[in-house]
PDB file of N, CA and C in Angstrom:
ATOM      1  N   UNK A   1       7.764  15.225 -16.721  1.00  0.00           N
ATOM      2  CA  UNK A   1       8.079  14.283 -15.321  1.00  0.00           C
ATOM      3  C   UNK A   1       7.356  14.885 -14.529  1.00  0.00           C
ATOM      4  N   UNK A   2       6.900  15.866 -14.454  1.00  0.00           N
ATOM      5  CA  UNK A   2       6.054  16.817 -13.186  1.00  0.00           C
ATOM      6  C   UNK A   2       4.376  16.148 -13.060  1.00  0.00           C
ATOM      7  N   UNK A   3       4.448  16.168 -14.119  1.00  0.00           N
ATOM      8  CA  UNK A   3       2.778  15.393 -14.395  1.00  0.00           C
ATOM      9  C   UNK A   3       2.494  14.421 -13.836  1.00  0.00           C
ATOM     10  N   UNK A   4       3.536  13.533 -13.841  1.00  0.00           N
ATOM     11  CA  UNK A   4       3.274  12.341 -12.957  1.00  0.00           C
ATOM     12  C   UNK A   4       3.849  11.961 -11.696  1.00  0.00           C
ATOM     13  N   UNK A   5       4.721  13.132 -11.327  1.00  0.00           N
ATOM     14  CA  UNK A   5       5.110  13.069  -9.712  1.00  0.00           C
ATOM     15  C   UNK A   5       4.189  13.516  -8.871  1.00  0.00           C
ATOM     16  N   UNK A   6       3.491  14.448  -9.393  1.00  0.00           N
ATOM     17  CA  UNK A   6       2.435  14.779  -7.851  1.00  0.00           C
ATOM     18  C   UNK A   6       1.359  13.708  -7.685  1.00  0.00           C
ATOM     19  N   UNK A   7       0.862  12.857  -8.817  1.00  0.00           N
ATOM     20  CA  UNK A   7      -0.001  12.044  -8.534  1.00  0.00           C
ATOM     21  C   UNK A   7       0.011  10.435  -7.865  1.00  0.00           C
ATOM     22  N   UNK A   8       1.755  10.313  -7.965  1.00  0.00           N
ATOM     23  CA  UNK A   8       2.354   9.182  -7.444  1.00  0.00           C
ATOM     24  C   UNK A   8       2.585   9.673  -6.016  1.00  0.00           C
ATOM     25  N   UNK A   9       3.170  11.132  -5.555  1.00  0.00           N
ATOM     26  CA  UNK A   9       3.067  11.197  -4.592  1.00  0.00           C
ATOM     27  C   UNK A   9       2.323  11.313  -3.107  1.00  0.00           C
ATOM     28  N   UNK A  10       0.956  11.614  -4.084  1.00  0.00           N
ATOM     29  CA  UNK A  10       0.172  11.457  -3.293  1.00  0.00           C
ATOM     30  C   UNK A  10      -0.633  10.044  -3.439  1.00  0.00           C
ATOM     31  N   UNK A  11      -0.601   9.197  -4.068  1.00  0.00           N
ATOM     32  CA  UNK A  11      -1.034   8.001  -4.306  1.00  0.00           C
ATOM     33  C   UNK A  11       0.197   7.302  -2.878  1.00  0.00           C
ATOM     34  N   UNK A  12       1.159   7.759  -2.689  1.00  0.00           N
ATOM     35  CA  UNK A  12       2.259   7.243  -1.848  1.00  0.00           C
ATOM     36  C   UNK A  12       1.747   7.578  -0.164  1.00  0.00           C
ATOM     37  N   UNK A  13       1.409   8.764  -0.238  1.00  0.00           N
ATOM     38  CA  UNK A  13       0.953   8.984   0.944  1.00  0.00           C
ATOM     39  C   UNK A  13      -0.354   8.516   1.516  1.00  0.00           C
ATOM     40  N   UNK A  14      -1.104   8.529   0.941  1.00  0.00           N
ATOM     41  CA  UNK A  14      -2.567   7.447   0.999  1.00  0.00           C
ATOM     42  C   UNK A  14      -2.070   6.302   1.456  1.00  0.00           C
ATOM     43  N   UNK A  15      -1.166   5.483   0.714  1.00  0.00           N
ATOM     44  CA  UNK A  15      -0.936   4.290   0.664  1.00  0.00           C
ATOM     45  C   UNK A  15      -0.397   4.087   2.613  1.00  0.00           C
ATOM     46  N   UNK A  16       0.288   5.174   2.874  1.00  0.00           N
ATOM     47  CA  UNK A  16       1.002   4.996   3.964  1.00  0.00           C
ATOM     48  C   UNK A  16       0.012   5.269   5.162  1.00  0.00           C
ATOM     49  N   UNK A  17      -0.885   6.049   5.172  1.00  0.00           N
ATOM     50  CA  UNK A  17      -2.033   6.175   5.995  1.00  0.00           C
ATOM     51  C   UNK A  17      -2.823   5.007   6.160  1.00  0.00           C
ATOM     52  N   UNK A  18      -3.003   4.145   4.980  1.00  0.00           N
ATOM     53  CA  UNK A  18      -3.873   3.500   4.710  1.00  0.00           C
ATOM     54  C   UNK A  18      -3.594   1.384   5.567  1.00  0.00           C
ATOM     55  N   UNK A  19      -2.011   2.085   5.411  1.00  0.00           N
ATOM     56  CA  UNK A  19      -1.222   0.751   5.632  1.00  0.00           C
ATOM     57  C   UNK A  19      -1.584  -0.115   6.587  1.00  0.00           C
ATOM     58  N   UNK A  20      -2.146   0.643   7.782  1.00  0.00           N
ATOM     59  CA  UNK A  20      -2.095   0.475   9.298  1.00  0.00           C
ATOM     60  C   UNK A  20      -3.856  -0.423   9.674  1.00  0.00           C
ATOM     61  N   UNK A  21      -4.522  -0.815   8.008  1.00  0.00           N
ATOM     62  CA  UNK A  21      -5.779  -1.089   8.795  1.00  0.00           C
ATOM     63  C   UNK A  21      -6.119  -2.471   9.528  1.00  0.00           C
ATOM     64  N   UNK A  22      -6.467  -2.763  10.220  1.00  0.00           N
ATOM     65  CA  UNK A  22      -6.446  -4.229  11.566  1.00  0.00           C
ATOM     66  C   UNK A  22      -6.069  -4.026  12.315  1.00  0.00           C
ATOM     67  N   UNK A  23      -6.506  -5.240  13.315  1.00  0.00           N
ATOM     68  CA  UNK A  23      -6.069  -5.367  14.581  1.00  0.00           C
ATOM     69  C   UNK A  23      -4.988  -6.009  14.930  1.00  0.00           C
ATOM     70  N   UNK A  24      -4.640  -7.015  13.783  1.00  0.00           N
ATOM     71  CA  UNK A  24      -3.443  -8.063  14.244  1.00  0.00           C
ATOM     72  C   UNK A  24      -2.491  -7.812  13.089  1.00  0.00           C
ATOM     73  N   UNK A  25      -0.977  -8.388  13.337  1.00  0.00           N
ATOM     74  CA  UNK A  25      -0.312  -7.899  11.621  1.00  0.00           C
ATOM     75  C   UNK A  25      -0.191  -8.547  10.757  1.00  0.00           C
ATOM     76  N   UNK A  26      -1.079 -10.057  10.867  1.00  0.00           N
ATOM     77  CA  UNK A  26      -1.601 -10.401   9.652  1.00  0.00           C
ATOM     78  C   UNK A  26      -2.330  -9.267   9.121  1.00  0.00           C
ATOM     79  N   UNK A  27      -3.554  -8.940   9.638  1.00  0.00           N
ATOM     80  CA  UNK A  27      -4.599  -7.849   9.065  1.00  0.00           C
ATOM     81  C   UNK A  27      -3.842  -7.199   8.385  1.00  0.00           C
ATOM     82  N   UNK A  28      -2.659  -6.346   8.924  1.00  0.00           N
ATOM     83  CA  UNK A  28      -2.154  -5.050   8.996  1.00  0.00           C
ATOM     84  C   UNK A  28      -1.387  -5.602   7.399  1.00  0.00           C
ATOM     85  N   UNK A  29      -0.630  -6.584   7.257  1.00  0.00           N
ATOM     86  CA  UNK A  29      -0.019  -7.035   6.476  1.00  0.00           C
ATOM     87  C   UNK A  29      -0.460  -7.119   5.173  1.00  0.00           C
ATOM     88  N   UNK A  30      -2.015  -7.704   5.249  1.00  0.00           N
ATOM     89  CA  UNK A  30      -2.891  -8.147   4.473  1.00  0.00           C
ATOM     90  C   UNK A  30      -3.275  -6.979   3.397  1.00  0.00           C
ATOM     91  N   UNK A  31      -3.731  -5.897   4.212  1.00  0.00           N
ATOM     92  CA  UNK A  31      -4.355  -4.614   3.578  1.00  0.00           C
ATOM     93  C   UNK A  31      -3.203  -3.945   3.198  1.00  0.00           C
ATOM     94  N   UNK A  32      -1.503  -4.096   3.918  1.00  0.00           N
ATOM     95  CA  UNK A  32      -0.554  -3.835   3.140  1.00  0.00           C
ATOM     96  C   UNK A  32      -0.041  -4.126   2.297  1.00  0.00           C
ATOM     97  N   UNK A  33      -0.639  -5.457   1.839  1.00  0.00           N
ATOM     98  CA  UNK A  33      -0.326  -5.551   0.230  1.00  0.00           C
ATOM     99  C   UNK A  33      -1.136  -5.689  -0.606  1.00  0.00           C
ATOM    100  N   UNK A  34      -2.400  -5.528  -0.190  1.00  0.00           N
ATOM    101  CA  UNK A  34      -3.292  -5.123  -1.498  1.00  0.00           C
ATOM    102  C   UNK A  34      -3.164  -3.813  -1.850  1.00  0.00           C
ATOM    103  N   UNK A  35      -2.992  -2.572  -0.744  1.00  0.00           N
ATOM    104  CA  UNK A  35      -3.250  -1.142  -0.832  1.00  0.00           C
ATOM    105  C   UNK A  35      -1.279  -1.272  -1.817  1.00  0.00           C
ATOM    106  N   UNK A  36      -0.628  -1.969  -1.834  1.00  0.00           N
ATOM    107  CA  UNK A  36       0.508  -1.661  -2.209  1.00  0.00           C
ATOM    108  C   UNK A  36       0.582  -2.406  -3.728  1.00  0.00           C
ATOM    109  N   UNK A  37      -0.219  -3.328  -3.895  1.00  0.00           N
ATOM    110  CA  UNK A  37      -0.387  -4.163  -5.250  1.00  0.00           C
ATOM    111  C   UNK A  37      -0.531  -3.256  -6.128  1.00  0.00           C
ATOM    112  N   UNK A  38      -1.912  -2.165  -5.372  1.00  0.00           N
ATOM    113  CA  UNK A  38      -2.624  -1.757  -6.516  1.00  0.00           C
ATOM    114  C   UNK A  38      -1.711  -0.325  -6.763  1.00  0.00           C
ATOM    115  N   UNK A  39      -1.262   0.301  -5.847  1.00  0.00           N
ATOM    116  CA  UNK A  39      -0.290   1.839  -5.804  1.00  0.00           C
ATOM    117  C   UNK A  39       0.833   1.201  -7.300  1.00  0.00           C
ATOM    118  N   UNK A  40       1.491   0.332  -6.534  1.00  0.00           N
ATOM    119  CA  UNK A  40       2.260  -0.200  -7.278  1.00  0.00           C
ATOM    120  C   UNK A  40       1.824   0.076  -8.664  1.00  0.00           C
ATOM    121  N   UNK A  41       0.725  -1.176  -9.131  1.00  0.00           N
ATOM    122  CA  UNK A  41       0.511  -1.608 -10.611  1.00  0.00           C
ATOM    123  C   UNK A  41       0.016   0.080 -11.332  1.00  0.00           C
ATOM    124  N   UNK A  42      -0.626   1.017 -10.140  1.00  0.00           N
ATOM    125  CA  UNK A  42      -0.896   2.397 -10.835  1.00  0.00           C
ATOM    126  C   UNK A  42       0.383   2.978 -11.369  1.00  0.00           C
ATOM    127  N   UNK A  43       1.214   2.758 -10.356  1.00  0.00           N
ATOM    128  CA  UNK A  43       2.706   3.573 -10.515  1.00  0.00           C
ATOM    129  C   UNK A  43       3.047   3.252 -12.073  1.00  0.00           C
ATOM    130  N   UNK A  44       3.376   2.278 -11.644  1.00  0.00           N
ATOM    131  CA  UNK A  44       4.198   1.401 -13.269  1.00  0.00           C
ATOM    132  C   UNK A  44       3.447   1.800 -14.226  1.00  0.00           C
ATOM    133  N   UNK A  45       2.043   1.999 -14.427  1.00  0.00           N
ATOM    134  CA  UNK A  45       0.944   2.092 -15.373  1.00  0.00           C
ATOM    135  C   UNK A  45       1.301   3.667 -16.206  1.00  0.00           C
ATOM    136  N   UNK A  46       2.028   4.372 -14.739  1.00  0.00           N
ATOM    137  CA  UNK A  46       1.684   5.863 -15.199  1.00  0.00           C
ATOM    138  C   UNK A  46       3.322   6.457 -15.706  1.00  0.00           C
ATOM    139  N   UNK A  47       3.795   5.539 -15.132  1.00  0.00           N
ATOM    140  CA  UNK A  47       5.362   5.642 -15.133  1.00  0.00           C
ATOM    141  C   UNK A  47       5.954   4.890 -17.038  1.00  0.00           C
ATOM    142  N   UNK A  48       5.224   4.297 -17.185  1.00  0.00           N
ATOM    143  CA  UNK A  48       5.195   3.744 -18.597  1.00  0.00           C
ATOM    144  C   UNK A  48       5.960   1.921 -18.320  1.00  0.00           C
ATOM    145  N   UNK A  49       5.901   1.781 -17.102  1.00  0.00           N
ATOM    146  CA  UNK A  49       6.495   0.158 -16.294  1.00  0.00           C
ATOM    147  C   UNK A  49       5.818  -0.969 -16.830  1.00  0.00           C
ATOM    148  N   UNK A  50       5.750  -1.692 -16.226  1.00  0.00           N
ATOM    149  CA  UNK A  50       5.058  -3.312 -16.461  1.00  0.00           C
ATOM    150  C   UNK A  50       4.228  -3.094 -15.239  1.00  0.00           C
ATOM    151  N   UNK A  51       3.187  -3.272 -15.561  1.00  0.00           N
ATOM    152  CA  UNK A  51       1.730  -2.803 -14.167  1.00  0.00           C
ATOM    153  C   UNK A  51       1.976  -4.251 -13.240  1.00  0.00           C
ATOM    154  N   UNK A  52       2.419  -5.781 -13.910  1.00  0.00           N
ATOM    155  CA  UNK A  52       2.286  -6.559 -12.705  1.00  0.00           C
ATOM    156  C   UNK A  52       3.735  -6.636 -12.035  1.00  0.00           C
ATOM    157  N   UNK A  53       5.058  -6.564 -12.699  1.00  0.00           N
ATOM    158  CA  UNK A  53       6.088  -6.407 -11.554  1.00  0.00           C
ATOM    159  C   UNK A  53       5.784  -5.136 -10.504  1.00  0.00           C
ATOM    160  N   UNK A  54       4.793  -4.024 -11.069  1.00  0.00           N
ATOM    161  CA  UNK A  54       5.023  -2.821 -10.519  1.00  0.00           C
ATOM    162  C   UNK A  54       3.758  -3.669  -8.651  1.00  0.00           C
ATOM    163  N   UNK A  55       2.984  -4.171  -9.688  1.00  0.00           N
ATOM    164  CA  UNK A  55       2.125  -4.665  -8.527  1.00  0.00           C
ATOM    165  C   UNK A  55       2.613  -5.726  -7.341  1.00  0.00           C
ATOM    166  N   UNK A  56       3.719  -6.530  -8.110  1.00  0.00           N
ATOM    167  CA  UNK A  56       4.250  -7.496  -7.089  1.00  0.00           C
ATOM    168  C   UNK A  56       4.982  -6.253  -6.102  1.00  0.00           C
ATOM    169  N   UNK A  57       6.058  -5.544  -6.457  1.00  0.00           N
ATOM    170  CA  UNK A  57       7.222  -4.720  -5.406  1.00  0.00           C
ATOM    171  C   UNK A  57       6.105  -4.092  -4.885  1.00  0.00           C
ATOM    172  N   UNK A  58       5.410  -3.271  -5.316  1.00  0.00           N
ATOM    173  CA  UNK A  58       4.516  -2.534  -4.244  1.00  0.00           C
ATOM    174  C   UNK A  58       3.659  -3.798  -3.416  1.00  0.00           C
ATOM    175  N   UNK A  59       3.008  -4.534  -3.561  1.00  0.00           N
ATOM    176  CA  UNK A  59       2.525  -5.822  -2.965  1.00  0.00           C
ATOM    177  C   UNK A  59       3.611  -5.887  -1.550  1.00  0.00           C
ATOM    178  N   UNK A  60       4.644  -6.572  -2.065  1.00  0.00           N
ATOM    179  CA  UNK A  60       5.529  -6.971  -1.058  1.00  0.00           C
ATOM    180  C   UNK A  60       5.717  -5.932   0.060  1.00  0.00           C
ATOM    181  N   UNK A  61       6.147  -4.344  -0.645  1.00  0.00           N
ATOM    182  CA  UNK A  61       6.562  -3.654   0.134  1.00  0.00           C
ATOM    183  C   UNK A  61       5.548  -3.113   1.090  1.00  0.00           C
ATOM    184  N   UNK A  62       4.224  -3.206   0.644  1.00  0.00           N
ATOM    185  CA  UNK A  62       3.071  -3.063   1.323  1.00  0.00           C
ATOM    186  C   UNK A  62       2.822  -4.104   2.522  1.00  0.00           C
ATOM    187  N   UNK A  63       2.912  -5.413   2.342  1.00  0.00           N
ATOM    188  CA  UNK A  63       3.014  -6.506   3.235  1.00  0.00           C
ATOM    189  C   UNK A  63       4.228  -6.194   4.539  1.00  0.00           C
ATOM    190  N   UNK A  64       5.230  -5.873   3.510  1.00  0.00           N
ATOM    191  CA  UNK A  64       6.029  -5.560   5.040  1.00  0.00           C
ATOM    192  C   UNK A  64       6.192  -4.110   5.585  1.00  0.00           C
ATOM    193  N   UNK A  65       5.286  -3.209   5.192  1.00  0.00           N
ATOM    194  CA  UNK A  65       5.392  -2.209   6.241  1.00  0.00           C
ATOM    195  C   UNK A  65       3.785  -2.562   6.633  1.00  0.00           C
ATOM    196  N   UNK A  66       3.073  -2.984   6.294  1.00  0.00           N
ATOM    197  CA  UNK A  66       1.921  -3.319   7.298  1.00  0.00           C
ATOM    198  C   UNK A  66       2.611  -4.459   8.259  1.00  0.00           C
ATOM    199  N   UNK A  67       2.896  -5.188   8.220  1.00  0.00           N
ATOM    200  CA  UNK A  67       3.659  -6.323   9.231  1.00  0.00           C
ATOM    201  C   UNK A  67       4.454  -5.376  10.361  1.00  0.00           C
ATOM    202  N   UNK A  68       5.036  -4.369   9.617  1.00  0.00           N
ATOM    203  CA  UNK A  68       6.200  -3.655  10.748  1.00  0.00           C
ATOM    204  C   UNK A  68       5.366  -2.648  11.777  1.00  0.00           C
ATOM    205  N   UNK A  69       3.919  -2.455  11.357  1.00  0.00           N
ATOM    206  CA  UNK A  69       3.557  -1.235  12.259  1.00  0.00           C
ATOM    207  C   UNK A  69       2.780  -2.086  13.398  1.00  0.00           C
ATOM    208  N   UNK A  70       2.407  -1.338  14.350  1.00  0.00           N
ATOM    209  CA  UNK A  70       2.010  -2.126  15.609  1.00  0.00           C
ATOM    210  C   UNK A  70       0.204  -1.673  15.588  1.00  0.00           C
ATOM    211  N   UNK A  71      -0.587  -2.238  16.326  1.00  0.00           N
ATOM    212  CA  UNK A  71      -1.789  -1.848  16.354  1.00  0.00           C
ATOM    213  C   UNK A  71      -2.427  -0.616  16.937  1.00  0.00           C
ATOM    214  N   UNK A  72      -1.312  -0.206  18.170  1.00  0.00           N
ATOM    215  CA  UNK A  72      -1.701   0.968  19.097  1.00  0.00           C
ATOM    216  C   UNK A  72      -0.954   2.198  18.157  1.00  0.00           C
ATOM    217  N   UNK A  73      -0.068   1.872  17.419  1.00  0.00           N
ATOM    218  CA  UNK A  73       0.430   2.917  16.633  1.00  0.00           C
ATOM    219  C   UNK A  73      -0.476   3.383  15.501  1.00  0.00           C
ATOM    220  N   UNK A  74      -1.065   2.707  14.969  1.00  0.00           N
ATOM    221  CA  UNK A  74      -1.887   3.028  13.708  1.00  0.00           C
ATOM    222  C   UNK A  74      -2.823   2.206  13.500  1.00  0.00           C
ATOM    223  N   UNK A  75      -4.411   2.268  13.684  1.00  0.00           N
ATOM    224  CA  UNK A  75      -5.443   1.540  13.742  1.00  0.00           C
ATOM    225  C   UNK A  75      -6.342   2.244  13.424  1.00  0.00           C
ATOM    226  N   UNK A  76      -6.812   1.858  12.030  1.00  0.00           N
ATOM    227  CA  UNK A  76      -7.886   2.501  11.201  1.00  0.00           C
ATOM    228  C   UNK A  76      -9.633   1.507  11.443  1.00  0.00           C
ATOM    229  N   UNK A  77      -9.284   0.758  12.279  1.00  0.00           N
ATOM    230  CA  UNK A  77     -10.656  -0.006  12.527  1.00  0.00           C
ATOM    231  C   UNK A  77     -10.533  -1.495  12.072  1.00  0.00           C
ATOM    232  N   UNK A  78     -11.733  -2.243  12.651  1.00  0.00           N
ATOM    233  CA  UNK A  78     -12.069  -3.050  11.519  1.00  0.00           C
ATOM    234  C   UNK A  78     -11.742  -3.160  10.037  1.00  0.00           C
ATOM    235  N   UNK A  79     -11.180  -4.286   9.918  1.00  0.00           N
ATOM    236  CA  UNK A  79     -10.762  -4.365   8.175  1.00  0.00           C
ATOM    237  C   UNK A  79     -12.203  -5.051   7.200  1.00  0.00           C
ATOM    238  N   UNK A  80     -12.619  -4.876   6.617  1.00  0.00           N
ATOM    239  CA  UNK A  80     -13.695  -5.554   5.723  1.00  0.00           C
ATOM    240  C   UNK A  80     -13.909  -7.158   5.744  1.00  0.00           C
ATOM    241  N   UNK A  81     -12.516  -7.579   5.914  1.00  0.00           N
ATOM    242  CA  UNK A  81     -12.856  -9.217   5.678  1.00  0.00           C
ATOM    243  C   UNK A  81     -13.287  -9.621   7.013  1.00  0.00           C
ATOM    244  N   UNK A  82     -13.083  -8.840   8.166  1.00  0.00           N
ATOM    245  CA  UNK A  82     -13.803  -9.504   9.251  1.00  0.00           C
ATOM    246  C   UNK A  82     -14.662  -8.821   9.875  1.00  0.00           C
TER     247      UNK A  82
END
């Protein structure tokens, strides 16, 4: 269990840092959703779960987290799609 716990914690920490990419709430929700989906799929694959379900849960959580942040609180610059 310890072997998968450390990468999962590191991945979640990185996702929290990157969830604020973008100027608007929509940009942050989109980037948070994409990062969350990738993280959720990765965590599910590492823990023996279904990556599609992990991606759906992670994407939803990331989108909500990104939409809940403010541009003045966390802003890592213009997203690559703008």
